[in-house]
């Protein structure tokens, strides 16, 4: 009976360790998502500015006759 409790305790310890590992991994992934989202917003802003500049330049081009 005592060995069964020890085996159960070992399994519980493994589960607890896995939960801690997964929580840490989840935190890393959340940070990566936040970084990627910030980069996406920056790139979107850069693309919008580039599009607006191109549209402005296109308006200055003479019309073909």
PDB file of N, CA and C in Angstrom:
ATOM      1  N   UNK A   1       0.821  -1.195   0.000  1.00  0.00           N
ATOM      2  CA  UNK A   1       0.000   0.000   0.000  1.00  0.00           C
ATOM      3  C   UNK A   1       0.861   1.254   0.000  1.00  0.00           C
ATOM      4  N   UNK A   2       1.926   1.219   0.783  1.00  0.00           N
ATOM      5  CA  UNK A   2       2.822   2.372   0.872  1.00  0.00           C
ATOM      6  C   UNK A   2       3.499   2.636  -0.463  1.00  0.00           C
ATOM      7  N   UNK A   3       3.872   1.564  -1.166  1.00  0.00           N
ATOM      8  CA  UNK A   3       4.531   1.736  -2.462  1.00  0.00           C
ATOM      9  C   UNK A   3       3.557   2.319  -3.487  1.00  0.00           C
ATOM     10  N   UNK A   4       2.281   1.996  -3.358  1.00  0.00           N
ATOM     11  CA  UNK A   4       1.277   2.572  -4.258  1.00  0.00           C
ATOM     12  C   UNK A   4       1.173   4.083  -4.047  1.00  0.00           C
ATOM     13  N   UNK A   5       1.215   4.500  -2.789  1.00  0.00           N
ATOM     14  CA  UNK A   5       1.178   5.936  -2.500  1.00  0.00           C
ATOM     15  C   UNK A   5       2.422   6.633  -3.021  1.00  0.00           C
ATOM     16  N   UNK A   6       3.552   5.974  -2.890  1.00  0.00           N
ATOM     17  CA  UNK A   6       4.798   6.542  -3.391  1.00  0.00           C
ATOM     18  C   UNK A   6       4.765   6.665  -4.921  1.00  0.00           C
ATOM     19  N   UNK A   7       4.212   5.652  -5.586  1.00  0.00           N
ATOM     20  CA  UNK A   7       4.102   5.703  -7.036  1.00  0.00           C
ATOM     21  C   UNK A   7       3.139   6.812  -7.454  1.00  0.00           C
ATOM     22  N   UNK A   8       2.027   6.949  -6.731  1.00  0.00           N
ATOM     23  CA  UNK A   8       1.062   8.008  -7.013  1.00  0.00           C
ATOM     24  C   UNK A   8       1.681   9.373  -6.761  1.00  0.00           C
ATOM     25  N   UNK A   9       2.447   9.485  -5.698  1.00  0.00           N
ATOM     26  CA  UNK A   9       3.122  10.752  -5.388  1.00  0.00           C
ATOM     27  C   UNK A   9       4.115  11.114  -6.497  1.00  0.00           C
ATOM     28  N   UNK A  10       4.834  10.126  -7.003  1.00  0.00           N
ATOM     29  CA  UNK A  10       5.793  10.373  -8.083  1.00  0.00           C
ATOM     30  C   UNK A  10       5.067  10.839  -9.346  1.00  0.00           C
ATOM     31  N   UNK A  11       3.939  10.219  -9.644  1.00  0.00           N
ATOM     32  CA  UNK A  11       3.166  10.634 -10.810  1.00  0.00           C
ATOM     33  C   UNK A  11       2.621  12.044 -10.642  1.00  0.00           C
ATOM     34  N   UNK A  12       2.156  12.353  -9.448  1.00  0.00           N
ATOM     35  CA  UNK A  12       1.659  13.708  -9.171  1.00  0.00           C
ATOM     36  C   UNK A  12       2.787  14.715  -9.321  1.00  0.00           C
ATOM     37  N   UNK A  13       3.962  14.385  -8.829  1.00  0.00           N
ATOM     38  CA  UNK A  13       5.121  15.269  -8.981  1.00  0.00           C
ATOM     39  C   UNK A  13       5.442  15.499 -10.457  1.00  0.00           C
ATOM     40  N   UNK A  14       5.324  14.447 -11.267  1.00  0.00           N
ATOM     41  CA  UNK A  14       5.568  14.578 -12.705  1.00  0.00           C
ATOM     42  C   UNK A  14       4.538  15.505 -13.341  1.00  0.00           C
ATOM     43  N   UNK A  15       3.284  15.347 -12.951  1.00  0.00           N
ATOM     44  CA  UNK A  15       2.229  16.196 -13.499  1.00  0.00           C
ATOM     45  C   UNK A  15       2.454  17.645 -13.095  1.00  0.00           C
ATOM     46  N   UNK A  16       2.810  17.877 -11.855  1.00  0.00           N
ATOM     47  CA  UNK A  16       3.070  19.236 -11.381  1.00  0.00           C
ATOM     48  C   UNK A  16       4.242  19.852 -12.138  1.00  0.00           C
ATOM     49  N   UNK A  17       5.294  19.072 -12.335  1.00  0.00           N
ATOM     50  CA  UNK A  17       6.449  19.573 -13.087  1.00  0.00           C
ATOM     51  C   UNK A  17       6.049  19.897 -14.526  1.00  0.00           C
ATOM     52  N   UNK A  18       5.234  19.055 -15.134  1.00  0.00           N
ATOM     53  CA  UNK A  18       4.779  19.292 -16.498  1.00  0.00           C
ATOM     54  C   UNK A  18       3.922  20.553 -16.572  1.00  0.00           C
ATOM     55  N   UNK A  19       3.048  20.745 -15.577  1.00  0.00           N
ATOM     56  CA  UNK A  19       2.209  21.952 -15.542  1.00  0.00           C
ATOM     57  C   UNK A  19       3.096  23.193 -15.462  1.00  0.00           C
ATOM     58  N   UNK A  20       4.106  23.169 -14.614  1.00  0.00           N
ATOM     59  CA  UNK A  20       5.019  24.318 -14.497  1.00  0.00           C
ATOM     60  C   UNK A  20       5.746  24.561 -15.830  1.00  0.00           C
ATOM     61  N   UNK A  21       6.194  23.491 -16.457  1.00  0.00           N
ATOM     62  CA  UNK A  21       6.890  23.612 -17.737  1.00  0.00           C
ATOM     63  C   UNK A  21       5.968  24.197 -18.804  1.00  0.00           C
ATOM     64  N   UNK A  22       4.744  23.714 -18.860  1.00  0.00           N
ATOM     65  CA  UNK A  22       3.797  24.200 -19.861  1.00  0.00           C
ATOM     66  C   UNK A  22       3.404  25.654 -19.598  1.00  0.00           C
ATOM     67  N   UNK A  23       3.279  26.028 -18.352  1.00  0.00           N
ATOM     68  CA  UNK A  23       2.973  27.426 -18.032  1.00  0.00           C
ATOM     69  C   UNK A  23       4.114  28.344 -18.478  1.00  0.00           C
ATOM     70  N   UNK A  24       5.337  27.913 -18.234  1.00  0.00           N
ATOM     71  CA  UNK A  24       6.489  28.710 -18.667  1.00  0.00           C
ATOM     72  C   UNK A  24       6.529  28.808 -20.186  1.00  0.00           C
ATOM     73  N   UNK A  25       6.282  27.689 -20.862  1.00  0.00           N
ATOM     74  CA  UNK A  25       6.263  27.686 -22.325  1.00  0.00           C
ATOM     75  C   UNK A  25       5.134  28.567 -22.851  1.00  0.00           C
ATOM     76  N   UNK A  26       3.996  28.519 -22.203  1.00  0.00           N
ATOM     77  CA  UNK A  26       2.863  29.347 -22.597  1.00  0.00           C
ATOM     78  C   UNK A  26       3.200  30.833 -22.465  1.00  0.00           C
ATOM     79  N   UNK A  27       3.904  31.182 -21.414  1.00  0.00           N
ATOM     80  CA  UNK A  27       4.306  32.583 -21.214  1.00  0.00           C
ATOM     81  C   UNK A  27       5.248  33.040 -22.330  1.00  0.00           C
ATOM     82  N   UNK A  28       6.191  32.176 -22.684  1.00  0.00           N
ATOM     83  CA  UNK A  28       7.110  32.490 -23.784  1.00  0.00           C
ATOM     84  C   UNK A  28       6.328  32.689 -25.079  1.00  0.00           C
ATOM     85  N   UNK A  29       5.380  31.805 -25.339  1.00  0.00           N
ATOM     86  CA  UNK A  29       4.585  31.906 -26.565  1.00  0.00           C
ATOM     87  C   UNK A  29       3.734  33.171 -26.571  1.00  0.00           C
ATOM     88  N   UNK A  30       3.179  33.537 -25.421  1.00  0.00           N
ATOM     89  CA  UNK A  30       2.411  34.789 -25.336  1.00  0.00           C
ATOM     90  C   UNK A  30       3.296  35.986 -25.661  1.00  0.00           C
ATOM     91  N   UNK A  31       4.514  35.967 -25.159  1.00  0.00           N
ATOM     92  CA  UNK A  31       5.449  37.061 -25.453  1.00  0.00           C
ATOM     93  C   UNK A  31       5.810  37.093 -26.935  1.00  0.00           C
ATOM     94  N   UNK A  32       5.993  35.924 -27.535  1.00  0.00           N
ATOM     95  CA  UNK A  32       6.299  35.864 -28.964  1.00  0.00           C
ATOM     96  C   UNK A  32       5.129  36.386 -29.792  1.00  0.00           C
ATOM     97  N   UNK A  33       3.918  36.066 -29.378  1.00  0.00           N
ATOM     98  CA  UNK A  33       2.734  36.561 -30.088  1.00  0.00           C
ATOM     99  C   UNK A  33       2.656  38.073 -29.976  1.00  0.00           C
ATOM    100  N   UNK A  34       2.898  38.605 -28.792  1.00  0.00           N
ATOM    101  CA  UNK A  34       2.855  40.056 -28.603  1.00  0.00           C
ATOM    102  C   UNK A  34       3.906  40.748 -29.463  1.00  0.00           C
ATOM    103  N   UNK A  35       5.100  40.176 -29.523  1.00  0.00           N
ATOM    104  CA  UNK A  35       6.167  40.739 -30.349  1.00  0.00           C
ATOM    105  C   UNK A  35       5.794  40.681 -31.827  1.00  0.00           C
ATOM    106  N   UNK A  36       5.248  39.552 -32.254  1.00  0.00           N
ATOM    107  CA  UNK A  36       4.842  39.409 -33.653  1.00  0.00           C
ATOM    108  C   UNK A  36       3.720  40.383 -33.997  1.00  0.00           C
ATOM    109  N   UNK A  37       2.792  40.575 -33.088  1.00  0.00           N
ATOM    110  CA  UNK A  37       1.691  41.506 -33.326  1.00  0.00           C
ATOM    111  C   UNK A  37       2.210  42.940 -33.443  1.00  0.00           C
ATOM    112  N   UNK A  38       3.144  43.309 -32.586  1.00  0.00           N
ATOM    113  CA  UNK A  38       3.725  44.647 -32.664  1.00  0.00           C
ATOM    114  C   UNK A  38       4.461  44.834 -33.994  1.00  0.00           C
ATOM    115  N   UNK A  39       5.194  43.822 -34.417  1.00  0.00           N
ATOM    116  CA  UNK A  39       5.905  43.881 -35.698  1.00  0.00           C
ATOM    117  C   UNK A  39       4.917  43.983 -36.857  1.00  0.00           C
ATOM    118  N   UNK A  40       3.828  43.216 -36.779  1.00  0.00           N
ATOM    119  CA  UNK A  40       2.802  43.262 -37.824  1.00  0.00           C
ATOM    120  C   UNK A  40       2.203  44.665 -37.935  1.00  0.00           C
ATOM    121  N   UNK A  41       1.907  45.274 -36.798  1.00  0.00           N
ATOM    122  CA  UNK A  41       1.348  46.622 -36.814  1.00  0.00           C
ATOM    123  C   UNK A  41       2.347  47.625 -37.389  1.00  0.00           C
ATOM    124  N   UNK A  42       3.613  47.456 -37.043  1.00  0.00           N
ATOM    125  CA  UNK A  42       4.650  48.342 -37.570  1.00  0.00           C
ATOM    126  C   UNK A  42       4.758  48.185 -39.090  1.00  0.00           C
ATOM    127  N   UNK A  43       4.781  46.943 -39.552  1.00  0.00           N
ATOM    128  CA  UNK A  43       4.880  46.689 -40.994  1.00  0.00           C
ATOM    129  C   UNK A  43       3.643  47.216 -41.727  1.00  0.00           C
ATOM    130  N   UNK A  44       2.490  47.054 -41.117  1.00  0.00           N
ATOM    131  CA  UNK A  44       1.273  47.575 -41.743  1.00  0.00           C
ATOM    132  C   UNK A  44       1.339  49.091 -41.875  1.00  0.00           C
ATOM    133  N   UNK A  45       1.834  49.756 -40.850  1.00  0.00           N
ATOM    134  CA  UNK A  45       1.990  51.207 -40.891  1.00  0.00           C
ATOM    135  C   UNK A  45       2.989  51.611 -41.969  1.00  0.00           C
ATOM    136  N   UNK A  46       4.098  50.883 -42.059  1.00  0.00           N
ATOM    137  CA  UNK A  46       5.113  51.162 -43.073  1.00  0.00           C
ATOM    138  C   UNK A  46       4.542  50.961 -44.474  1.00  0.00           C
ATOM    139  N   UNK A  47       3.774  49.895 -44.662  1.00  0.00           N
ATOM    140  CA  UNK A  47       3.177  49.636 -45.967  1.00  0.00           C
ATOM    141  C   UNK A  47       2.154  50.710 -46.338  1.00  0.00           C
ATOM    142  N   UNK A  48       1.391  51.166 -45.371  1.00  0.00           N
ATOM    143  CA  UNK A  48       0.414  52.223 -45.633  1.00  0.00           C
ATOM    144  C   UNK A  48       1.121  53.507 -46.056  1.00  0.00           C
ATOM    145  N   UNK A  49       2.188  53.845 -45.351  1.00  0.00           N
ATOM    146  CA  UNK A  49       2.945  55.047 -45.702  1.00  0.00           C
ATOM    147  C   UNK A  49       3.545  54.916 -47.106  1.00  0.00           C
ATOM    148  N   UNK A  50       4.076  53.746 -47.435  1.00  0.00           N
ATOM    149  CA  UNK A  50       4.656  53.527 -48.763  1.00  0.00           C
ATOM    150  C   UNK A  50       3.576  53.622 -49.835  1.00  0.00           C
ATOM    151  N   UNK A  51       2.417  53.036 -49.576  1.00  0.00           N
ATOM    152  CA  UNK A  51       1.324  53.103 -50.549  1.00  0.00           C
ATOM    153  C   UNK A  51       0.894  54.550 -50.775  1.00  0.00           C
ATOM    154  N   UNK A  52       0.785  55.312 -49.699  1.00  0.00           N
ATOM    155  CA  UNK A  52       0.384  56.709 -49.829  1.00  0.00           C
ATOM    156  C   UNK A  52       1.417  57.517 -50.621  1.00  0.00           C
ATOM    157  N   UNK A  53       2.706  57.240 -50.376  1.00  0.00           N
ATOM    158  CA  UNK A  53       3.752  57.928 -51.146  1.00  0.00           C
ATOM    159  C   UNK A  53       3.667  57.566 -52.623  1.00  0.00           C
ATOM    160  N   UNK A  54       3.464  56.275 -52.912  1.00  0.00           N
ATOM    161  CA  UNK A  54       3.348  55.843 -54.308  1.00  0.00           C
ATOM    162  C   UNK A  54       2.130  56.461 -54.975  1.00  0.00           C
ATOM    163  N   UNK A  55       1.029  56.512 -54.276  1.00  0.00           N
ATOM    164  CA  UNK A  55      -0.171  57.120 -54.845  1.00  0.00           C
ATOM    165  C   UNK A  55       0.067  58.603 -55.133  1.00  0.00           C
ATOM    166  N   UNK A  56       0.778  59.274 -54.224  1.00  0.00           N
ATOM    167  CA  UNK A  56       1.107  60.677 -54.440  1.00  0.00           C
ATOM    168  C   UNK A  56       1.993  60.867 -55.650  1.00  0.00           C
ATOM    169  N   UNK A  57       2.977  59.993 -55.809  1.00  0.00           N
ATOM    170  CA  UNK A  57       3.864  60.075 -56.972  1.00  0.00           C
ATOM    171  C   UNK A  57       3.111  59.769 -58.259  1.00  0.00           C
ATOM    172  N   UNK A  58       2.202  58.835 -58.215  1.00  0.00           N
ATOM    173  CA  UNK A  58       1.431  58.477 -59.404  1.00  0.00           C
ATOM    174  C   UNK A  58       0.542  59.649 -59.852  1.00  0.00           C
ATOM    175  N   UNK A  59       0.042  60.396 -58.886  1.00  0.00           N
ATOM    176  CA  UNK A  59      -0.789  61.545 -59.221  1.00  0.00           C
ATOM    177  C   UNK A  59       0.017  62.635 -59.935  1.00  0.00           C
ATOM    178  N   UNK A  60       1.305  62.687 -59.682  1.00  0.00           N
ATOM    179  CA  UNK A  60       2.167  63.697 -60.297  1.00  0.00           C
ATOM    180  C   UNK A  60       2.626  63.311 -61.694  1.00  0.00           C
ATOM    181  N   UNK A  61       2.484  62.020 -62.044  1.00  0.00           N
ATOM    182  CA  UNK A  61       2.898  61.575 -63.371  1.00  0.00           C
ATOM    183  C   UNK A  61       1.975  62.180 -64.430  1.00  0.00           C
ATOM    184  N   UNK A  62       2.544  62.575 -65.541  1.00  0.00           N
ATOM    185  CA  UNK A  62       1.701  63.102 -66.607  1.00  0.00           C
ATOM    186  C   UNK A  62       0.836  62.003 -67.220  1.00  0.00           C
ATOM    187  N   UNK A  63      -0.341  62.391 -67.682  1.00  0.00           N
ATOM    188  CA  UNK A  63      -1.243  61.448 -68.351  1.00  0.00           C
ATOM    189  C   UNK A  63      -0.668  61.116 -69.721  1.00  0.00           C
ATOM    190  N   UNK A  64      -0.834  59.873 -70.152  1.00  0.00           N
ATOM    191  CA  UNK A  64      -0.423  59.501 -71.510  1.00  0.00           C
ATOM    192  C   UNK A  64      -1.394  60.111 -72.505  1.00  0.00           C
ATOM    193  N   UNK A  65      -0.848  60.598 -73.609  1.00  0.00           N
ATOM    194  CA  UNK A  65      -1.689  61.243 -74.605  1.00  0.00           C
ATOM    195  C   UNK A  65      -2.296  60.266 -75.558  1.00  0.00           C
TER     196      UNK A  65
END
